[in-house]
Amino acid sequence: MDRLPSVTAKEAIKAFEKAGFEVVRTKGSHHQMTKPNHLYCLTVPYHGHKALKKGTLRSLIRAAGLTVEEFVALLKD
């Protein structure tokens, strides 16, 4: 497994938007993102400038159908 960088929710949302997801709903401190013809809805916890927990981030990447390498590349773009 590749090492995940420390990422805030804001950075993760930007990366998922580059992958084709869009924020469709914000409820409290969570943003829900969908992508046309994609099976899962991503729920990204948004808690200010705190970094996402590694397990949560890895789960979101997996649900988005991405690999860690692809996600890191989207962060750098």
PDB file of N, CA and C in Angstrom:
ATOM      1  N   MET A   1       0.826  -1.179   0.000  1.00  0.00           N
ATOM      2  CA  MET A   1       0.000   0.000   0.000  1.00  0.00           C
ATOM      3  C   MET A   1       0.868   1.238   0.000  1.00  0.00           C
ATOM      4  N   ASP A   2       0.388   2.229  -0.709  1.00  0.00           N
ATOM      5  CA  ASP A   2       1.115   3.483  -0.744  1.00  0.00           C
ATOM      6  C   ASP A   2       0.737   4.347   0.443  1.00  0.00           C
ATOM      7  N   ARG A   3       1.628   5.227   0.755  1.00  0.00           N
ATOM      8  CA  ARG A   3       1.431   6.109   1.886  1.00  0.00           C
ATOM      9  C   ARG A   3       0.505   7.262   1.502  1.00  0.00           C
ATOM     10  N   LEU A   4      -0.476   7.518   2.353  1.00  0.00           N
ATOM     11  CA  LEU A   4      -1.402   8.617   2.113  1.00  0.00           C
ATOM     12  C   LEU A   4      -0.847   9.913   2.706  1.00  0.00           C
ATOM     13  N   PRO A   5      -0.971  11.009   1.974  1.00  0.00           N
ATOM     14  CA  PRO A   5      -0.562  12.287   2.547  1.00  0.00           C
ATOM     15  C   PRO A   5      -1.631  12.786   3.528  1.00  0.00           C
ATOM     16  N   SER A   6      -1.261  13.711   4.373  1.00  0.00           N
ATOM     17  CA  SER A   6      -2.220  14.333   5.270  1.00  0.00           C
ATOM     18  C   SER A   6      -3.013  15.353   4.455  1.00  0.00           C
ATOM     19  N   VAL A   7      -4.329  15.160   4.387  1.00  0.00           N
ATOM     20  CA  VAL A   7      -5.173  15.957   3.512  1.00  0.00           C
ATOM     21  C   VAL A   7      -6.351  16.499   4.312  1.00  0.00           C
ATOM     22  N   THR A   8      -6.669  17.783   4.104  1.00  0.00           N
ATOM     23  CA  THR A   8      -7.869  18.353   4.720  1.00  0.00           C
ATOM     24  C   THR A   8      -9.075  18.011   3.840  1.00  0.00           C
ATOM     25  N   ALA A   9     -10.250  18.209   4.390  1.00  0.00           N
ATOM     26  CA  ALA A   9     -11.474  17.919   3.635  1.00  0.00           C
ATOM     27  C   ALA A   9     -11.572  18.813   2.400  1.00  0.00           C
ATOM     28  N   LYS A  10     -11.157  20.063   2.532  1.00  0.00           N
ATOM     29  CA  LYS A  10     -11.215  20.996   1.406  1.00  0.00           C
ATOM     30  C   LYS A  10     -10.349  20.507   0.244  1.00  0.00           C
ATOM     31  N   GLU A  11      -9.150  20.028   0.551  1.00  0.00           N
ATOM     32  CA  GLU A  11      -8.248  19.505  -0.488  1.00  0.00           C
ATOM     33  C   GLU A  11      -8.815  18.231  -1.104  1.00  0.00           C
ATOM     34  N   ALA A  12      -9.404  17.368  -0.269  1.00  0.00           N
ATOM     35  CA  ALA A  12      -9.976  16.124  -0.775  1.00  0.00           C
ATOM     36  C   ALA A  12     -11.149  16.412  -1.700  1.00  0.00           C
ATOM     37  N   ILE A  13     -11.990  17.366  -1.336  1.00  0.00           N
ATOM     38  CA  ILE A  13     -13.145  17.707  -2.166  1.00  0.00           C
ATOM     39  C   ILE A  13     -12.684  18.230  -3.518  1.00  0.00           C
ATOM     40  N   LYS A  14     -11.652  19.070  -3.538  1.00  0.00           N
ATOM     41  CA  LYS A  14     -11.120  19.576  -4.805  1.00  0.00           C
ATOM     42  C   LYS A  14     -10.603  18.441  -5.682  1.00  0.00           C
ATOM     43  N   ALA A  15      -9.920  17.473  -5.076  1.00  0.00           N
ATOM     44  CA  ALA A  15      -9.386  16.342  -5.834  1.00  0.00           C
ATOM     45  C   ALA A  15     -10.522  15.490  -6.395  1.00  0.00           C
ATOM     46  N   PHE A  16     -11.551  15.231  -5.588  1.00  0.00           N
ATOM     47  CA  PHE A  16     -12.682  14.442  -6.078  1.00  0.00           C
ATOM     48  C   PHE A  16     -13.449  15.192  -7.170  1.00  0.00           C
ATOM     49  N   GLU A  17     -13.497  16.516  -7.089  1.00  0.00           N
ATOM     50  CA  GLU A  17     -14.143  17.291  -8.150  1.00  0.00           C
ATOM     51  C   GLU A  17     -13.377  17.156  -9.463  1.00  0.00           C
ATOM     52  N   LYS A  18     -12.060  17.091  -9.384  1.00  0.00           N
ATOM     53  CA  LYS A  18     -11.247  16.876 -10.593  1.00  0.00           C
ATOM     54  C   LYS A  18     -11.509  15.498 -11.191  1.00  0.00           C
ATOM     55  N   ALA A  19     -11.929  14.552 -10.338  1.00  0.00           N
ATOM     56  CA  ALA A  19     -12.228  13.191 -10.803  1.00  0.00           C
ATOM     57  C   ALA A  19     -13.651  13.077 -11.342  1.00  0.00           C
ATOM     58  N   GLY A  20     -14.416  14.180 -11.319  1.00  0.00           N
ATOM     59  CA  GLY A  20     -15.757  14.163 -11.893  1.00  0.00           C
ATOM     60  C   GLY A  20     -16.896  14.195 -10.888  1.00  0.00           C
ATOM     61  N   PHE A  21     -16.584  14.215  -9.612  1.00  0.00           N
ATOM     62  CA  PHE A  21     -17.627  14.280  -8.590  1.00  0.00           C
ATOM     63  C   PHE A  21     -18.025  15.729  -8.368  1.00  0.00           C
ATOM     64  N   GLU A  22     -19.256  15.926  -7.876  1.00  0.00           N
ATOM     65  CA  GLU A  22     -19.696  17.270  -7.541  1.00  0.00           C
ATOM     66  C   GLU A  22     -20.447  17.251  -6.219  1.00  0.00           C
ATOM     67  N   VAL A  23     -20.330  18.339  -5.479  1.00  0.00           N
ATOM     68  CA  VAL A  23     -21.027  18.447  -4.200  1.00  0.00           C
ATOM     69  C   VAL A  23     -22.497  18.707  -4.498  1.00  0.00           C
ATOM     70  N   VAL A  24     -23.357  17.813  -4.009  1.00  0.00           N
ATOM     71  CA  VAL A  24     -24.791  17.960  -4.263  1.00  0.00           C
ATOM     72  C   VAL A  24     -25.564  18.350  -3.015  1.00  0.00           C
ATOM     73  N   ARG A  25     -24.947  18.169  -1.863  1.00  0.00           N
ATOM     74  CA  ARG A  25     -25.654  18.474  -0.632  1.00  0.00           C
ATOM     75  C   ARG A  25     -24.648  18.713   0.487  1.00  0.00           C
ATOM     76  N   THR A  26     -24.955  19.696   1.307  1.00  0.00           N
ATOM     77  CA  THR A  26     -24.172  19.946   2.501  1.00  0.00           C
ATOM     78  C   THR A  26     -25.131  19.909   3.676  1.00  0.00           C
ATOM     79  N   LYS A  27     -24.888  19.010   4.594  1.00  0.00           N
ATOM     80  CA  LYS A  27     -25.740  18.903   5.772  1.00  0.00           C
ATOM     81  C   LYS A  27     -24.847  18.907   6.994  1.00  0.00           C
ATOM     82  N   GLY A  28     -24.934  19.970   7.775  1.00  0.00           N
ATOM     83  CA  GLY A  28     -24.082  20.078   8.943  1.00  0.00           C
ATOM     84  C   GLY A  28     -22.632  20.164   8.546  1.00  0.00           C
ATOM     85  N   SER A  29     -21.839  19.247   9.043  1.00  0.00           N
ATOM     86  CA  SER A  29     -20.403  19.281   8.769  1.00  0.00           C
ATOM     87  C   SER A  29     -19.988  18.197   7.781  1.00  0.00           C
ATOM     88  N   HIS A  30     -20.895  17.767   6.912  1.00  0.00           N
ATOM     89  CA  HIS A  30     -20.578  16.747   5.919  1.00  0.00           C
ATOM     90  C   HIS A  30     -21.023  17.219   4.536  1.00  0.00           C
ATOM     91  N   HIS A  31     -20.194  16.941   3.554  1.00  0.00           N
ATOM     92  CA  HIS A  31     -20.518  17.251   2.157  1.00  0.00           C
ATOM     93  C   HIS A  31     -20.760  15.934   1.430  1.00  0.00           C
ATOM     94  N   GLN A  32     -21.866  15.865   0.700  1.00  0.00           N
ATOM     95  CA  GLN A  32     -22.157  14.669  -0.085  1.00  0.00           C
ATOM     96  C   GLN A  32     -21.843  14.956  -1.539  1.00  0.00           C
ATOM     97  N   MET A  33     -21.122  14.025  -2.150  1.00  0.00           N
ATOM     98  CA  MET A  33     -20.683  14.188  -3.531  1.00  0.00           C
ATOM     99  C   MET A  33     -21.156  13.010  -4.363  1.00  0.00           C
ATOM    100  N   THR A  34     -21.587  13.306  -5.576  1.00  0.00           N
ATOM    101  CA  THR A  34     -22.000  12.249  -6.500  1.00  0.00           C
ATOM    102  C   THR A  34     -21.330  12.468  -7.844  1.00  0.00           C
ATOM    103  N   LYS A  35     -21.400  11.414  -8.645  1.00  0.00           N
ATOM    104  CA  LYS A  35     -20.859  11.435 -10.002  1.00  0.00           C
ATOM    105  C   LYS A  35     -21.869  10.690 -10.862  1.00  0.00           C
ATOM    106  N   PRO A  36     -22.200  11.215 -12.036  1.00  0.00           N
ATOM    107  CA  PRO A  36     -23.154  10.512 -12.897  1.00  0.00           C
ATOM    108  C   PRO A  36     -22.685   9.084 -13.202  1.00  0.00           C
ATOM    109  N   ASN A  37     -23.614   8.153 -13.156  1.00  0.00           N
ATOM    110  CA  ASN A  37     -23.372   6.738 -13.447  1.00  0.00           C
ATOM    111  C   ASN A  37     -22.362   6.099 -12.501  1.00  0.00           C
ATOM    112  N   HIS A  38     -22.249   6.615 -11.288  1.00  0.00           N
ATOM    113  CA  HIS A  38     -21.362   6.038 -10.284  1.00  0.00           C
ATOM    114  C   HIS A  38     -22.223   5.439  -9.179  1.00  0.00           C
ATOM    115  N   LEU A  39     -21.837   4.294  -8.691  1.00  0.00           N
ATOM    116  CA  LEU A  39     -22.632   3.544  -7.739  1.00  0.00           C
ATOM    117  C   LEU A  39     -22.738   4.213  -6.372  1.00  0.00           C
ATOM    118  N   TYR A  40     -21.672   4.837  -5.902  1.00  0.00           N
ATOM    119  CA  TYR A  40     -21.636   5.334  -4.530  1.00  0.00           C
ATOM    120  C   TYR A  40     -21.732   6.853  -4.441  1.00  0.00           C
ATOM    121  N   CYS A  41     -22.283   7.303  -3.332  1.00  0.00           N
ATOM    122  CA  CYS A  41     -22.282   8.708  -2.952  1.00  0.00           C
ATOM    123  C   CYS A  41     -21.189   8.869  -1.899  1.00  0.00           C
ATOM    124  N   LEU A  42     -20.303   9.825  -2.085  1.00  0.00           N
ATOM    125  CA  LEU A  42     -19.232  10.054  -1.117  1.00  0.00           C
ATOM    126  C   LEU A  42     -19.698  11.063  -0.077  1.00  0.00           C
ATOM    127  N   THR A  43     -19.493  10.762   1.189  1.00  0.00           N
ATOM    128  CA  THR A  43     -19.814  11.686   2.266  1.00  0.00           C
ATOM    129  C   THR A  43     -18.500  12.076   2.931  1.00  0.00           C
ATOM    130  N   VAL A  44     -18.100  13.322   2.700  1.00  0.00           N
ATOM    131  CA  VAL A  44     -16.814  13.808   3.187  1.00  0.00           C
ATOM    132  C   VAL A  44     -17.046  14.634   4.451  1.00  0.00           C
ATOM    133  N   PRO A  45     -16.499  14.218   5.596  1.00  0.00           N
ATOM    134  CA  PRO A  45     -16.634  15.016   6.815  1.00  0.00           C
ATOM    135  C   PRO A  45     -15.798  16.291   6.704  1.00  0.00           C
ATOM    136  N   TYR A  46     -16.423  17.423   6.951  1.00  0.00           N
ATOM    137  CA  TYR A  46     -15.772  18.719   6.789  1.00  0.00           C
ATOM    138  C   TYR A  46     -15.695  19.391   8.155  1.00  0.00           C
ATOM    139  N   HIS A  47     -14.524  19.352   8.768  1.00  0.00           N
ATOM    140  CA  HIS A  47     -14.341  19.908  10.106  1.00  0.00           C
ATOM    141  C   HIS A  47     -13.219  20.938  10.098  1.00  0.00           C
ATOM    142  N   GLY A  48     -13.444  22.032   9.432  1.00  0.00           N
ATOM    143  CA  GLY A  48     -12.466  23.114   9.415  1.00  0.00           C
ATOM    144  C   GLY A  48     -11.168  22.719   8.742  1.00  0.00           C
ATOM    145  N   HIS A  49     -10.075  23.035   9.402  1.00  0.00           N
ATOM    146  CA  HIS A  49      -8.754  22.770   8.830  1.00  0.00           C
ATOM    147  C   HIS A  49      -8.134  21.494   9.376  1.00  0.00           C
ATOM    148  N   LYS A  50      -8.935  20.625   9.964  1.00  0.00           N
ATOM    149  CA  LYS A  50      -8.417  19.356  10.468  1.00  0.00           C
ATOM    150  C   LYS A  50      -8.175  18.398   9.305  1.00  0.00           C
ATOM    151  N   ALA A  51      -7.152  17.602   9.421  1.00  0.00           N
ATOM    152  CA  ALA A  51      -6.861  16.594   8.406  1.00  0.00           C
ATOM    153  C   ALA A  51      -7.832  15.422   8.560  1.00  0.00           C
ATOM    154  N   LEU A  52      -8.203  14.831   7.431  1.00  0.00           N
ATOM    155  CA  LEU A  52      -9.053  13.643   7.470  1.00  0.00           C
ATOM    156  C   LEU A  52      -8.263  12.478   8.049  1.00  0.00           C
ATOM    157  N   LYS A  53      -8.934  11.611   8.753  1.00  0.00           N
ATOM    158  CA  LYS A  53      -8.266  10.426   9.274  1.00  0.00           C
ATOM    159  C   LYS A  53      -7.907   9.517   8.111  1.00  0.00           C
ATOM    160  N   LYS A  54      -6.797   8.795   8.263  1.00  0.00           N
ATOM    161  CA  LYS A  54      -6.275   7.965   7.171  1.00  0.00           C
ATOM    162  C   LYS A  54      -7.286   6.912   6.715  1.00  0.00           C
ATOM    163  N   GLY A  55      -7.954   6.259   7.654  1.00  0.00           N
ATOM    164  CA  GLY A  55      -8.922   5.225   7.295  1.00  0.00           C
ATOM    165  C   GLY A  55     -10.115   5.793   6.552  1.00  0.00           C
ATOM    166  N   THR A  56     -10.568   6.966   6.979  1.00  0.00           N
ATOM    167  CA  THR A  56     -11.690   7.631   6.309  1.00  0.00           C
ATOM    168  C   THR A  56     -11.303   8.013   4.893  1.00  0.00           C
ATOM    169  N   LEU A  57     -10.131   8.590   4.737  1.00  0.00           N
ATOM    170  CA  LEU A  57      -9.663   9.010   3.413  1.00  0.00           C
ATOM    171  C   LEU A  57      -9.492   7.806   2.495  1.00  0.00           C
ATOM    172  N   ARG A  58      -8.897   6.740   2.997  1.00  0.00           N
ATOM    173  CA  ARG A  58      -8.700   5.536   2.183  1.00  0.00           C
ATOM    174  C   ARG A  58     -10.047   4.950   1.753  1.00  0.00           C
ATOM    175  N   SER A  59     -11.034   4.983   2.643  1.00  0.00           N
ATOM    176  CA  SER A  59     -12.364   4.484   2.326  1.00  0.00           C
ATOM    177  C   SER A  59     -13.028   5.341   1.247  1.00  0.00           C
ATOM    178  N   LEU A  60     -12.875   6.656   1.330  1.00  0.00           N
ATOM    179  CA  LEU A  60     -13.435   7.548   0.317  1.00  0.00           C
ATOM    180  C   LEU A  60     -12.780   7.324  -1.045  1.00  0.00           C
ATOM    181  N   ILE A  61     -11.471   7.133  -1.048  1.00  0.00           N
ATOM    182  CA  ILE A  61     -10.755   6.893  -2.304  1.00  0.00           C
ATOM    183  C   ILE A  61     -11.238   5.593  -2.937  1.00  0.00           C
ATOM    184  N   ARG A  62     -11.385   4.563  -2.118  1.00  0.00           N
ATOM    185  CA  ARG A  62     -11.853   3.264  -2.608  1.00  0.00           C
ATOM    186  C   ARG A  62     -13.280   3.377  -3.157  1.00  0.00           C
ATOM    187  N   ALA A  63     -14.158   4.095  -2.439  1.00  0.00           N
ATOM    188  CA  ALA A  63     -15.548   4.255  -2.876  1.00  0.00           C
ATOM    189  C   ALA A  63     -15.633   5.065  -4.167  1.00  0.00           C
ATOM    190  N   ALA A  64     -14.666   5.954  -4.386  1.00  0.00           N
ATOM    191  CA  ALA A  64     -14.645   6.753  -5.611  1.00  0.00           C
ATOM    192  C   ALA A  64     -14.127   5.962  -6.802  1.00  0.00           C
ATOM    193  N   GLY A  65     -13.592   4.776  -6.546  1.00  0.00           N
ATOM    194  CA  GLY A  65     -13.065   3.954  -7.630  1.00  0.00           C
ATOM    195  C   GLY A  65     -11.676   4.386  -8.064  1.00  0.00           C
ATOM    196  N   LEU A  66     -10.955   5.026  -7.183  1.00  0.00           N
ATOM    197  CA  LEU A  66      -9.610   5.497  -7.490  1.00  0.00           C
ATOM    198  C   LEU A  66      -8.575   4.680  -6.727  1.00  0.00           C
ATOM    199  N   THR A  67      -7.344   4.756  -7.186  1.00  0.00           N
ATOM    200  CA  THR A  67      -6.232   4.205  -6.415  1.00  0.00           C
ATOM    201  C   THR A  67      -5.584   5.358  -5.654  1.00  0.00           C
ATOM    202  N   VAL A  68      -4.754   5.032  -4.695  1.00  0.00           N
ATOM    203  CA  VAL A  68      -4.067   6.070  -3.928  1.00  0.00           C
ATOM    204  C   VAL A  68      -3.177   6.902  -4.851  1.00  0.00           C
ATOM    205  N   GLU A  69      -2.526   6.256  -5.808  1.00  0.00           N
ATOM    206  CA  GLU A  69      -1.656   6.974  -6.746  1.00  0.00           C
ATOM    207  C   GLU A  69      -2.454   7.976  -7.578  1.00  0.00           C
ATOM    208  N   GLU A  70      -3.633   7.560  -8.055  1.00  0.00           N
ATOM    209  CA  GLU A  70      -4.480   8.455  -8.837  1.00  0.00           C
ATOM    210  C   GLU A  70      -4.946   9.642  -7.998  1.00  0.00           C
ATOM    211  N   PHE A  71      -5.308   9.370  -6.747  1.00  0.00           N
ATOM    212  CA  PHE A  71      -5.756  10.435  -5.860  1.00  0.00           C
ATOM    213  C   PHE A  71      -4.641  11.433  -5.589  1.00  0.00           C
ATOM    214  N   VAL A  72      -3.441  10.942  -5.325  1.00  0.00           N
ATOM    215  CA  VAL A  72      -2.298  11.826  -5.063  1.00  0.00           C
ATOM    216  C   VAL A  72      -2.003  12.668  -6.307  1.00  0.00           C
ATOM    217  N   ALA A  73      -2.136  12.072  -7.484  1.00  0.00           N
ATOM    218  CA  ALA A  73      -1.922  12.827  -8.725  1.00  0.00           C
ATOM    219  C   ALA A  73      -2.960  13.943  -8.873  1.00  0.00           C
ATOM    220  N   LEU A  74      -4.206  13.673  -8.473  1.00  0.00           N
ATOM    221  CA  LEU A  74      -5.243  14.697  -8.540  1.00  0.00           C
ATOM    222  C   LEU A  74      -4.969  15.822  -7.547  1.00  0.00           C
ATOM    223  N   LEU A  75      -4.370  15.505  -6.427  1.00  0.00           N
ATOM    224  CA  LEU A  75      -4.012  16.536  -5.448  1.00  0.00           C
ATOM    225  C   LEU A  75      -2.966  17.482  -6.008  1.00  0.00           C
ATOM    226  N   LYS A  76      -2.050  16.948  -6.811  1.00  0.00           N
ATOM    227  CA  LYS A  76      -0.933  17.743  -7.327  1.00  0.00           C
ATOM    228  C   LYS A  76      -1.324  18.592  -8.540  1.00  0.00           C
ATOM    229  N   ASP A  77      -2.384  18.204  -9.239  1.00  0.00           N
ATOM    230  CA  ASP A  77      -2.809  18.964 -10.439  1.00  0.00           C
ATOM    231  C   ASP A  77      -3.317  20.330 -10.101  1.00  0.00           C
TER     232      ASP A  77
END
